Amino acid sequence: MEILRLYFPALNESLGRQVVAFVRKLRLEKLKKHPSISEVIDWTTALTGMEAKALTAGLVMTTLNVLIKYHEDWQKITAKIQDKDWFGGISHT
């Protein structure tokens, strides 16, 4: 969160926490390549450019390619996003 605040001083606190929580979940998964800090910054740039106030499953699905670089990883994570328990606490609208 501290890094996001450095790059995005006006970042909505709730969105920032959701970004951090989602990326933590990704980093717990067995992926070929976990998102780097620069990819998280790029993703946050995209989200703020879209004027997002909160993460939703649809928004994540639309922007996931910024975080996930390998097709196999993308397939795995998109399947998990459909699981409300895995995506926990983030809206599915």
PDB file of N, CA and C in Angstrom:
ATOM      1  N   MET A   1       0.829  -1.180   0.000  1.00  0.00           N
ATOM      2  CA  MET A   1       0.000   0.000   0.000  1.00  0.00           C
ATOM      3  C   MET A   1       0.879   1.251   0.000  1.00  0.00           C
ATOM      4  N   GLU A   2       1.994   1.173   0.707  1.00  0.00           N
ATOM      5  CA  GLU A   2       2.900   2.325   0.755  1.00  0.00           C
ATOM      6  C   GLU A   2       3.421   2.683  -0.638  1.00  0.00           C
ATOM      7  N   ILE A   3       3.744   1.681  -1.413  1.00  0.00           N
ATOM      8  CA  ILE A   3       4.239   1.930  -2.773  1.00  0.00           C
ATOM      9  C   ILE A   3       3.138   2.562  -3.616  1.00  0.00           C
ATOM     10  N   LEU A   4       1.928   2.043  -3.513  1.00  0.00           N
ATOM     11  CA  LEU A   4       0.814   2.623  -4.274  1.00  0.00           C
ATOM     12  C   LEU A   4       0.589   4.080  -3.882  1.00  0.00           C
ATOM     13  N   ARG A   5       0.709   4.374  -2.604  1.00  0.00           N
ATOM     14  CA  ARG A   5       0.519   5.767  -2.157  1.00  0.00           C
ATOM     15  C   ARG A   5       1.577   6.693  -2.743  1.00  0.00           C
ATOM     16  N   LEU A   6       2.799   6.176  -2.894  1.00  0.00           N
ATOM     17  CA  LEU A   6       3.869   6.995  -3.497  1.00  0.00           C
ATOM     18  C   LEU A   6       3.540   7.354  -4.942  1.00  0.00           C
ATOM     19  N   TYR A   7       3.050   6.379  -5.692  1.00  0.00           N
ATOM     20  CA  TYR A   7       2.745   6.584  -7.113  1.00  0.00           C
ATOM     21  C   TYR A   7       1.393   7.234  -7.344  1.00  0.00           C
ATOM     22  N   PHE A   8       0.458   7.002  -6.419  1.00  0.00           N
ATOM     23  CA  PHE A   8      -0.917   7.481  -6.585  1.00  0.00           C
ATOM     24  C   PHE A   8      -1.393   8.147  -5.295  1.00  0.00           C
ATOM     25  N   PRO A   9      -0.917   9.362  -5.015  1.00  0.00           N
ATOM     26  CA  PRO A   9      -1.288  10.022  -3.754  1.00  0.00           C
ATOM     27  C   PRO A   9      -2.798  10.218  -3.582  1.00  0.00           C
ATOM     28  N   ALA A  10      -3.529  10.335  -4.670  1.00  0.00           N
ATOM     29  CA  ALA A  10      -4.975  10.555  -4.585  1.00  0.00           C
ATOM     30  C   ALA A  10      -5.772   9.245  -4.704  1.00  0.00           C
ATOM     31  N   LEU A  11      -5.093   8.111  -4.643  1.00  0.00           N
ATOM     32  CA  LEU A  11      -5.766   6.819  -4.805  1.00  0.00           C
ATOM     33  C   LEU A  11      -6.814   6.615  -3.722  1.00  0.00           C
ATOM     34  N   ASN A  12      -7.995   6.211  -4.143  1.00  0.00           N
ATOM     35  CA  ASN A  12      -9.071   5.848  -3.229  1.00  0.00           C
ATOM     36  C   ASN A  12      -8.547   4.746  -2.296  1.00  0.00           C
ATOM     37  N   GLU A  13      -8.632   4.975  -0.993  1.00  0.00           N
ATOM     38  CA  GLU A  13      -8.094   4.038   0.003  1.00  0.00           C
ATOM     39  C   GLU A  13      -8.693   2.637  -0.148  1.00  0.00           C
ATOM     40  N   SER A  14      -9.991   2.578  -0.353  1.00  0.00           N
ATOM     41  CA  SER A  14     -10.659   1.287  -0.490  1.00  0.00           C
ATOM     42  C   SER A  14     -10.149   0.535  -1.724  1.00  0.00           C
ATOM     43  N   LEU A  15     -10.043   1.221  -2.844  1.00  0.00           N
ATOM     44  CA  LEU A  15      -9.534   0.587  -4.059  1.00  0.00           C
ATOM     45  C   LEU A  15      -8.098   0.126  -3.850  1.00  0.00           C
ATOM     46  N   GLY A  16      -7.292   0.955  -3.234  1.00  0.00           N
ATOM     47  CA  GLY A  16      -5.902   0.578  -2.973  1.00  0.00           C
ATOM     48  C   GLY A  16      -5.800  -0.689  -2.148  1.00  0.00           C
ATOM     49  N   ARG A  17      -6.608  -0.785  -1.115  1.00  0.00           N
ATOM     50  CA  ARG A  17      -6.593  -1.995  -0.265  1.00  0.00           C
ATOM     51  C   ARG A  17      -7.082  -3.219  -1.045  1.00  0.00           C
ATOM     52  N   GLN A  18      -8.062  -3.028  -1.903  1.00  0.00           N
ATOM     53  CA  GLN A  18      -8.538  -4.141  -2.719  1.00  0.00           C
ATOM     54  C   GLN A  18      -7.477  -4.599  -3.704  1.00  0.00           C
ATOM     55  N   VAL A  19      -6.756  -3.668  -4.292  1.00  0.00           N
ATOM     56  CA  VAL A  19      -5.661  -4.011  -5.209  1.00  0.00           C
ATOM     57  C   VAL A  19      -4.616  -4.837  -4.464  1.00  0.00           C
ATOM     58  N   VAL A  20      -4.212  -4.363  -3.301  1.00  0.00           N
ATOM     59  CA  VAL A  20      -3.204  -5.076  -2.500  1.00  0.00           C
ATOM     60  C   VAL A  20      -3.694  -6.471  -2.129  1.00  0.00           C
ATOM     61  N   ALA A  21      -4.931  -6.585  -1.684  1.00  0.00           N
ATOM     62  CA  ALA A  21      -5.485  -7.884  -1.295  1.00  0.00           C
ATOM     63  C   ALA A  21      -5.539  -8.842  -2.481  1.00  0.00           C
ATOM     64  N   PHE A  22      -5.956  -8.338  -3.645  1.00  0.00           N
ATOM     65  CA  PHE A  22      -6.044  -9.187  -4.824  1.00  0.00           C
ATOM     66  C   PHE A  22      -4.663  -9.663  -5.260  1.00  0.00           C
ATOM     67  N   VAL A  23      -3.701  -8.763  -5.262  1.00  0.00           N
ATOM     68  CA  VAL A  23      -2.343  -9.142  -5.681  1.00  0.00           C
ATOM     69  C   VAL A  23      -1.744 -10.142  -4.690  1.00  0.00           C
ATOM     70  N   ARG A  24      -2.030  -9.982  -3.414  1.00  0.00           N
ATOM     71  CA  ARG A  24      -1.559 -10.971  -2.424  1.00  0.00           C
ATOM     72  C   ARG A  24      -2.115 -12.347  -2.758  1.00  0.00           C
ATOM     73  N   LYS A  25      -3.407 -12.404  -3.092  1.00  0.00           N
ATOM     74  CA  LYS A  25      -4.000 -13.696  -3.462  1.00  0.00           C
ATOM     75  C   LYS A  25      -3.314 -14.280  -4.683  1.00  0.00           C
ATOM     76  N   LEU A  26      -3.032 -13.436  -5.667  1.00  0.00           N
ATOM     77  CA  LEU A  26      -2.342 -13.923  -6.865  1.00  0.00           C
ATOM     78  C   LEU A  26      -0.982 -14.500  -6.514  1.00  0.00           C
ATOM     79  N   ARG A  27      -0.284 -13.837  -5.618  1.00  0.00           N
ATOM     80  CA  ARG A  27       1.069 -14.273  -5.266  1.00  0.00           C
ATOM     81  C   ARG A  27       1.084 -15.562  -4.455  1.00  0.00           C
ATOM     82  N   LEU A  28      -0.053 -15.963  -3.925  1.00  0.00           N
ATOM     83  CA  LEU A  28      -0.159 -17.240  -3.222  1.00  0.00           C
ATOM     84  C   LEU A  28      -0.425 -18.397  -4.182  1.00  0.00           C
ATOM     85  N   GLU A  29      -0.820 -18.079  -5.389  1.00  0.00           N
ATOM     86  CA  GLU A  29      -1.110 -19.101  -6.401  1.00  0.00           C
ATOM     87  C   GLU A  29       0.181 -19.583  -7.059  1.00  0.00           C
ATOM     88  N   LYS A  30       0.134 -20.821  -7.547  1.00  0.00           N
ATOM     89  CA  LYS A  30       1.275 -21.353  -8.304  1.00  0.00           C
ATOM     90  C   LYS A  30       1.141 -20.872  -9.740  1.00  0.00           C
ATOM     91  N   LEU A  31       1.881 -19.831 -10.053  1.00  0.00           N
ATOM     92  CA  LEU A  31       1.863 -19.243 -11.383  1.00  0.00           C
ATOM     93  C   LEU A  31       3.255 -19.305 -11.985  1.00  0.00           C
ATOM     94  N   LYS A  32       3.311 -19.278 -13.305  1.00  0.00           N
ATOM     95  CA  LYS A  32       4.612 -19.205 -13.982  1.00  0.00           C
ATOM     96  C   LYS A  32       5.331 -17.921 -13.611  1.00  0.00           C
ATOM     97  N   LYS A  33       4.558 -16.823 -13.529  1.00  0.00           N
ATOM     98  CA  LYS A  33       5.135 -15.525 -13.192  1.00  0.00           C
ATOM     99  C   LYS A  33       4.133 -14.733 -12.360  1.00  0.00           C
ATOM    100  N   HIS A  34       4.552 -14.392 -11.160  1.00  0.00           N
ATOM    101  CA  HIS A  34       3.721 -13.558 -10.305  1.00  0.00           C
ATOM    102  C   HIS A  34       3.859 -12.095 -10.725  1.00  0.00           C
ATOM    103  N   PRO A  35       2.822 -11.302 -10.480  1.00  0.00           N
ATOM    104  CA  PRO A  35       2.889  -9.881 -10.841  1.00  0.00           C
ATOM    105  C   PRO A  35       4.014  -9.170 -10.085  1.00  0.00           C
ATOM    106  N   SER A  36       4.781  -8.390 -10.815  1.00  0.00           N
ATOM    107  CA  SER A  36       5.842  -7.586 -10.212  1.00  0.00           C
ATOM    108  C   SER A  36       5.255  -6.263  -9.726  1.00  0.00           C
ATOM    109  N   ILE A  37       6.054  -5.517  -8.990  1.00  0.00           N
ATOM    110  CA  ILE A  37       5.617  -4.195  -8.529  1.00  0.00           C
ATOM    111  C   ILE A  37       5.261  -3.321  -9.733  1.00  0.00           C
ATOM    112  N   SER A  38       6.071  -3.359 -10.779  1.00  0.00           N
ATOM    113  CA  SER A  38       5.784  -2.507 -11.945  1.00  0.00           C
ATOM    114  C   SER A  38       4.467  -2.895 -12.602  1.00  0.00           C
ATOM    115  N   GLU A  39       4.134  -4.179 -12.620  1.00  0.00           N
ATOM    116  CA  GLU A  39       2.857  -4.607 -13.192  1.00  0.00           C
ATOM    117  C   GLU A  39       1.688  -4.165 -12.308  1.00  0.00           C
ATOM    118  N   VAL A  40       1.878  -4.179 -11.008  1.00  0.00           N
ATOM    119  CA  VAL A  40       0.836  -3.701 -10.094  1.00  0.00           C
ATOM    120  C   VAL A  40       0.630  -2.198 -10.293  1.00  0.00           C
ATOM    121  N   ILE A  41       1.711  -1.468 -10.484  1.00  0.00           N
ATOM    122  CA  ILE A  41       1.603  -0.031 -10.748  1.00  0.00           C
ATOM    123  C   ILE A  41       0.887   0.207 -12.076  1.00  0.00           C
ATOM    124  N   ASP A  42       1.244  -0.573 -13.095  1.00  0.00           N
ATOM    125  CA  ASP A  42       0.563  -0.451 -14.393  1.00  0.00           C
ATOM    126  C   ASP A  42      -0.923  -0.764 -14.261  1.00  0.00           C
ATOM    127  N   TRP A  43      -1.250  -1.792 -13.487  1.00  0.00           N
ATOM    128  CA  TRP A  43      -2.644  -2.178 -13.295  1.00  0.00           C
ATOM    129  C   TRP A  43      -3.411  -1.074 -12.571  1.00  0.00           C
ATOM    130  N   THR A  44      -2.796  -0.527 -11.536  1.00  0.00           N
ATOM    131  CA  THR A  44      -3.432   0.557 -10.785  1.00  0.00           C
ATOM    132  C   THR A  44      -3.622   1.780 -11.676  1.00  0.00           C
ATOM    133  N   THR A  45      -2.660   2.041 -12.547  1.00  0.00           N
ATOM    134  CA  THR A  45      -2.801   3.134 -13.513  1.00  0.00           C
ATOM    135  C   THR A  45      -4.022   2.904 -14.393  1.00  0.00           C
ATOM    136  N   ALA A  46      -4.179   1.679 -14.866  1.00  0.00           N
ATOM    137  CA  ALA A  46      -5.344   1.352 -15.703  1.00  0.00           C
ATOM    138  C   ALA A  46      -6.644   1.522 -14.912  1.00  0.00           C
ATOM    139  N   LEU A  47      -6.658   1.029 -13.690  1.00  0.00           N
ATOM    140  CA  LEU A  47      -7.871   1.123 -12.868  1.00  0.00           C
ATOM    141  C   LEU A  47      -8.239   2.573 -12.575  1.00  0.00           C
ATOM    142  N   THR A  48      -7.250   3.378 -12.238  1.00  0.00           N
ATOM    143  CA  THR A  48      -7.551   4.788 -11.952  1.00  0.00           C
ATOM    144  C   THR A  48      -7.935   5.526 -13.226  1.00  0.00           C
ATOM    145  N   GLY A  49      -7.344   5.142 -14.345  1.00  0.00           N
ATOM    146  CA  GLY A  49      -7.720   5.741 -15.627  1.00  0.00           C
ATOM    147  C   GLY A  49      -9.155   5.425 -16.003  1.00  0.00           C
ATOM    148  N   MET A  50      -9.642   4.286 -15.529  1.00  0.00           N
ATOM    149  CA  MET A  50     -11.030   3.889 -15.761  1.00  0.00           C
ATOM    150  C   MET A  50     -11.956   4.457 -14.677  1.00  0.00           C
ATOM    151  N   GLU A  51     -11.374   5.237 -13.790  1.00  0.00           N
ATOM    152  CA  GLU A  51     -12.103   5.862 -12.680  1.00  0.00           C
ATOM    153  C   GLU A  51     -12.788   4.831 -11.787  1.00  0.00           C
ATOM    154  N   ALA A  52     -12.113   3.689 -11.594  1.00  0.00           N
ATOM    155  CA  ALA A  52     -12.647   2.640 -10.731  1.00  0.00           C
ATOM    156  C   ALA A  52     -12.645   3.111  -9.280  1.00  0.00           C
ATOM    157  N   LYS A  53     -13.694   2.768  -8.580  1.00  0.00           N
ATOM    158  CA  LYS A  53     -13.800   3.070  -7.150  1.00  0.00           C
ATOM    159  C   LYS A  53     -13.661   1.799  -6.317  1.00  0.00           C
ATOM    160  N   ALA A  54     -13.900   0.657  -6.965  1.00  0.00           N
ATOM    161  CA  ALA A  54     -13.821  -0.629  -6.285  1.00  0.00           C
ATOM    162  C   ALA A  54     -13.556  -1.714  -7.331  1.00  0.00           C
ATOM    163  N   LEU A  55     -12.918  -2.795  -6.882  1.00  0.00           N
ATOM    164  CA  LEU A  55     -12.703  -3.930  -7.782  1.00  0.00           C
ATOM    165  C   LEU A  55     -13.975  -4.756  -7.873  1.00  0.00           C
ATOM    166  N   THR A  56     -14.313  -5.119  -9.070  1.00  0.00           N
ATOM    167  CA  THR A  56     -15.396  -6.069  -9.305  1.00  0.00           C
ATOM    168  C   THR A  56     -14.814  -7.189 -10.158  1.00  0.00           C
ATOM    169  N   ALA A  57     -15.497  -8.301 -10.183  1.00  0.00           N
ATOM    170  CA  ALA A  57     -15.025  -9.412 -11.007  1.00  0.00           C
ATOM    171  C   ALA A  57     -14.916  -8.983 -12.468  1.00  0.00           C
ATOM    172  N   GLY A  58     -15.907  -8.252 -12.947  1.00  0.00           N
ATOM    173  CA  GLY A  58     -15.882  -7.797 -14.340  1.00  0.00           C
ATOM    174  C   GLY A  58     -14.713  -6.883 -14.635  1.00  0.00           C
ATOM    175  N   LEU A  59     -14.443  -5.967 -13.732  1.00  0.00           N
ATOM    176  CA  LEU A  59     -13.321  -5.048 -13.910  1.00  0.00           C
ATOM    177  C   LEU A  59     -11.996  -5.799 -13.902  1.00  0.00           C
ATOM    178  N   VAL A  60     -11.865  -6.738 -12.993  1.00  0.00           N
ATOM    179  CA  VAL A  60     -10.625  -7.527 -12.939  1.00  0.00           C
ATOM    180  C   VAL A  60     -10.467  -8.343 -14.215  1.00  0.00           C
ATOM    181  N   MET A  61     -11.548  -8.964 -14.671  1.00  0.00           N
ATOM    182  CA  MET A  61     -11.461  -9.765 -15.900  1.00  0.00           C
ATOM    183  C   MET A  61     -11.045  -8.897 -17.089  1.00  0.00           C
ATOM    184  N   THR A  62     -11.528  -7.671 -17.127  1.00  0.00           N
ATOM    185  CA  THR A  62     -11.219  -6.757 -18.228  1.00  0.00           C
ATOM    186  C   THR A  62      -9.763  -6.318 -18.221  1.00  0.00           C
ATOM    187  N   THR A  63      -9.167  -6.233 -17.038  1.00  0.00           N
ATOM    188  CA  THR A  63      -7.818  -5.665 -16.914  1.00  0.00           C
ATOM    189  C   THR A  63      -6.753  -6.678 -16.498  1.00  0.00           C
ATOM    190  N   LEU A  64      -7.136  -7.918 -16.318  1.00  0.00           N
ATOM    191  CA  LEU A  64      -6.221  -8.936 -15.794  1.00  0.00           C
ATOM    192  C   LEU A  64      -4.970  -9.114 -16.640  1.00  0.00           C
ATOM    193  N   ASN A  65      -5.088  -8.871 -17.938  1.00  0.00           N
ATOM    194  CA  ASN A  65      -3.922  -9.060 -18.817  1.00  0.00           C
ATOM    195  C   ASN A  65      -2.781  -8.105 -18.466  1.00  0.00           C
ATOM    196  N   VAL A  66      -3.046  -7.050 -17.735  1.00  0.00           N
ATOM    197  CA  VAL A  66      -1.978  -6.148 -17.299  1.00  0.00           C
ATOM    198  C   VAL A  66      -1.136  -6.819 -16.210  1.00  0.00           C
ATOM    199  N   LEU A  67      -1.762  -7.663 -15.395  1.00  0.00           N
ATOM    200  CA  LEU A  67      -1.068  -8.340 -14.294  1.00  0.00           C
ATOM    201  C   LEU A  67      -0.493  -9.696 -14.674  1.00  0.00           C
ATOM    202  N   ILE A  68      -1.226 -10.423 -15.496  1.00  0.00           N
ATOM    203  CA  ILE A  68      -0.879 -11.811 -15.812  1.00  0.00           C
ATOM    204  C   ILE A  68      -0.311 -11.888 -17.220  1.00  0.00           C
ATOM    205  N   LYS A  69       0.886 -12.435 -17.337  1.00  0.00           N
ATOM    206  CA  LYS A  69       1.577 -12.427 -18.622  1.00  0.00           C
ATOM    207  C   LYS A  69       1.475 -13.736 -19.408  1.00  0.00           C
ATOM    208  N   TYR A  70       1.236 -14.857 -18.719  1.00  0.00           N
ATOM    209  CA  TYR A  70       1.178 -16.147 -19.403  1.00  0.00           C
ATOM    210  C   TYR A  70      -0.265 -16.635 -19.507  1.00  0.00           C
ATOM    211  N   HIS A  71      -0.612 -17.158 -20.674  1.00  0.00           N
ATOM    212  CA  HIS A  71      -1.977 -17.616 -20.934  1.00  0.00           C
ATOM    213  C   HIS A  71      -2.431 -18.667 -19.915  1.00  0.00           C
ATOM    214  N   GLU A  72      -1.553 -19.589 -19.547  1.00  0.00           N
ATOM    215  CA  GLU A  72      -1.915 -20.633 -18.582  1.00  0.00           C
ATOM    216  C   GLU A  72      -2.279 -20.004 -17.236  1.00  0.00           C
ATOM    217  N   ASP A  73      -1.495 -19.014 -16.824  1.00  0.00           N
ATOM    218  CA  ASP A  73      -1.783 -18.320 -15.564  1.00  0.00           C
ATOM    219  C   ASP A  73      -3.102 -17.572 -15.669  1.00  0.00           C
ATOM    220  N   TRP A  74      -3.341 -16.935 -16.796  1.00  0.00           N
ATOM    221  CA  TRP A  74      -4.585 -16.182 -17.012  1.00  0.00           C
ATOM    222  C   TRP A  74      -5.786 -17.117 -16.904  1.00  0.00           C
ATOM    223  N   GLN A  75      -5.693 -18.295 -17.533  1.00  0.00           N
ATOM    224  CA  GLN A  75      -6.797 -19.255 -17.479  1.00  0.00           C
ATOM    225  C   GLN A  75      -7.069 -19.694 -16.037  1.00  0.00           C
ATOM    226  N   LYS A  76      -6.010 -19.969 -15.314  1.00  0.00           N
ATOM    227  CA  LYS A  76      -6.148 -20.420 -13.931  1.00  0.00           C
ATOM    228  C   LYS A  76      -6.827 -19.344 -13.072  1.00  0.00           C
ATOM    229  N   ILE A  77      -6.377 -18.118 -13.210  1.00  0.00           N
ATOM    230  CA  ILE A  77      -6.908 -17.042 -12.376  1.00  0.00           C
ATOM    231  C   ILE A  77      -8.325 -16.644 -12.795  1.00  0.00           C
ATOM    232  N   THR A  78      -8.611 -16.639 -14.083  1.00  0.00           N
ATOM    233  CA  THR A  78      -9.982 -16.292 -14.487  1.00  0.00           C
ATOM    234  C   THR A  78     -10.977 -17.325 -13.945  1.00  0.00           C
ATOM    235  N   ALA A  79     -10.582 -18.576 -13.892  1.00  0.00           N
ATOM    236  CA  ALA A  79     -11.455 -19.598 -13.304  1.00  0.00           C
ATOM    237  C   ALA A  79     -11.657 -19.326 -11.814  1.00  0.00           C
ATOM    238  N   LYS A  80     -10.619 -18.917 -11.137  1.00  0.00           N
ATOM    239  CA  LYS A  80     -10.729 -18.641  -9.707  1.00  0.00           C
ATOM    240  C   LYS A  80     -11.568 -17.400  -9.432  1.00  0.00           C
ATOM    241  N   ILE A  81     -11.509 -16.411 -10.313  1.00  0.00           N
ATOM    242  CA  ILE A  81     -12.294 -15.195 -10.118  1.00  0.00           C
ATOM    243  C   ILE A  81     -13.784 -15.509 -10.073  1.00  0.00           C
ATOM    244  N   GLN A  82     -14.189 -16.547 -10.782  1.00  0.00           N
ATOM    245  CA  GLN A  82     -15.601 -16.946 -10.787  1.00  0.00           C
ATOM    246  C   GLN A  82     -16.036 -17.515  -9.437  1.00  0.00           C
ATOM    247  N   ASP A  83     -15.090 -17.936  -8.621  1.00  0.00           N
ATOM    248  CA  ASP A  83     -15.373 -18.508  -7.300  1.00  0.00           C
ATOM    249  C   ASP A  83     -15.483 -17.365  -6.286  1.00  0.00           C
ATOM    250  N   LYS A  84     -16.686 -17.114  -5.799  1.00  0.00           N
ATOM    251  CA  LYS A  84     -16.908 -15.998  -4.873  1.00  0.00           C
ATOM    252  C   LYS A  84     -16.098 -16.162  -3.593  1.00  0.00           C
ATOM    253  N   ASP A  85     -15.851 -17.406  -3.162  1.00  0.00           N
ATOM    254  CA  ASP A  85     -15.043 -17.608  -1.954  1.00  0.00           C
ATOM    255  C   ASP A  85     -13.606 -17.165  -2.186  1.00  0.00           C
ATOM    256  N   TRP A  86     -13.032 -17.505  -3.349  1.00  0.00           N
ATOM    257  CA  TRP A  86     -11.654 -17.101  -3.637  1.00  0.00           C
ATOM    258  C   TRP A  86     -11.576 -15.601  -3.818  1.00  0.00           C
ATOM    259  N   PHE A  87     -12.539 -15.049  -4.516  1.00  0.00           N
ATOM    260  CA  PHE A  87     -12.547 -13.625  -4.816  1.00  0.00           C
ATOM    261  C   PHE A  87     -13.024 -12.826  -3.604  1.00  0.00           C
ATOM    262  N   GLY A  88     -13.451 -13.513  -2.577  1.00  0.00           N
ATOM    263  CA  GLY A  88     -14.002 -13.005  -1.329  1.00  0.00           C
ATOM    264  C   GLY A  88     -13.952 -11.510  -1.052  1.00  0.00           C
ATOM    265  N   GLY A  89     -15.089 -10.975  -0.729  1.00  0.00           N
ATOM    266  CA  GLY A  89     -15.183  -9.593  -0.317  1.00  0.00           C
ATOM    267  C   GLY A  89     -15.151  -8.574  -1.438  1.00  0.00           C
ATOM    268  N   ILE A  90     -14.978  -9.042  -2.651  1.00  0.00           N
ATOM    269  CA  ILE A  90     -14.950  -8.130  -3.785  1.00  0.00           C
ATOM    270  C   ILE A  90     -16.185  -8.414  -4.630  1.00  0.00           C
ATOM    271  N   SER A  91     -16.870  -7.397  -5.010  1.00  0.00           N
ATOM    272  CA  SER A  91     -18.134  -7.527  -5.744  1.00  0.00           C
ATOM    273  C   SER A  91     -17.991  -8.331  -7.026  1.00  0.00           C
ATOM    274  N   HIS A  92     -19.006  -9.110  -7.344  1.00  0.00           N
ATOM    275  CA  HIS A  92     -19.023  -9.894  -8.586  1.00  0.00           C
ATOM    276  C   HIS A  92     -19.860  -9.221  -9.676  1.00  0.00           C
ATOM    277  N   THR A  93     -20.197  -7.952  -9.507  1.00  0.00           N
ATOM    278  CA  THR A  93     -20.986  -7.264 -10.523  1.00  0.00           C
ATOM    279  C   THR A  93     -20.084  -6.663 -11.567  1.00  0.00           C
TER     280      THR A  93
END
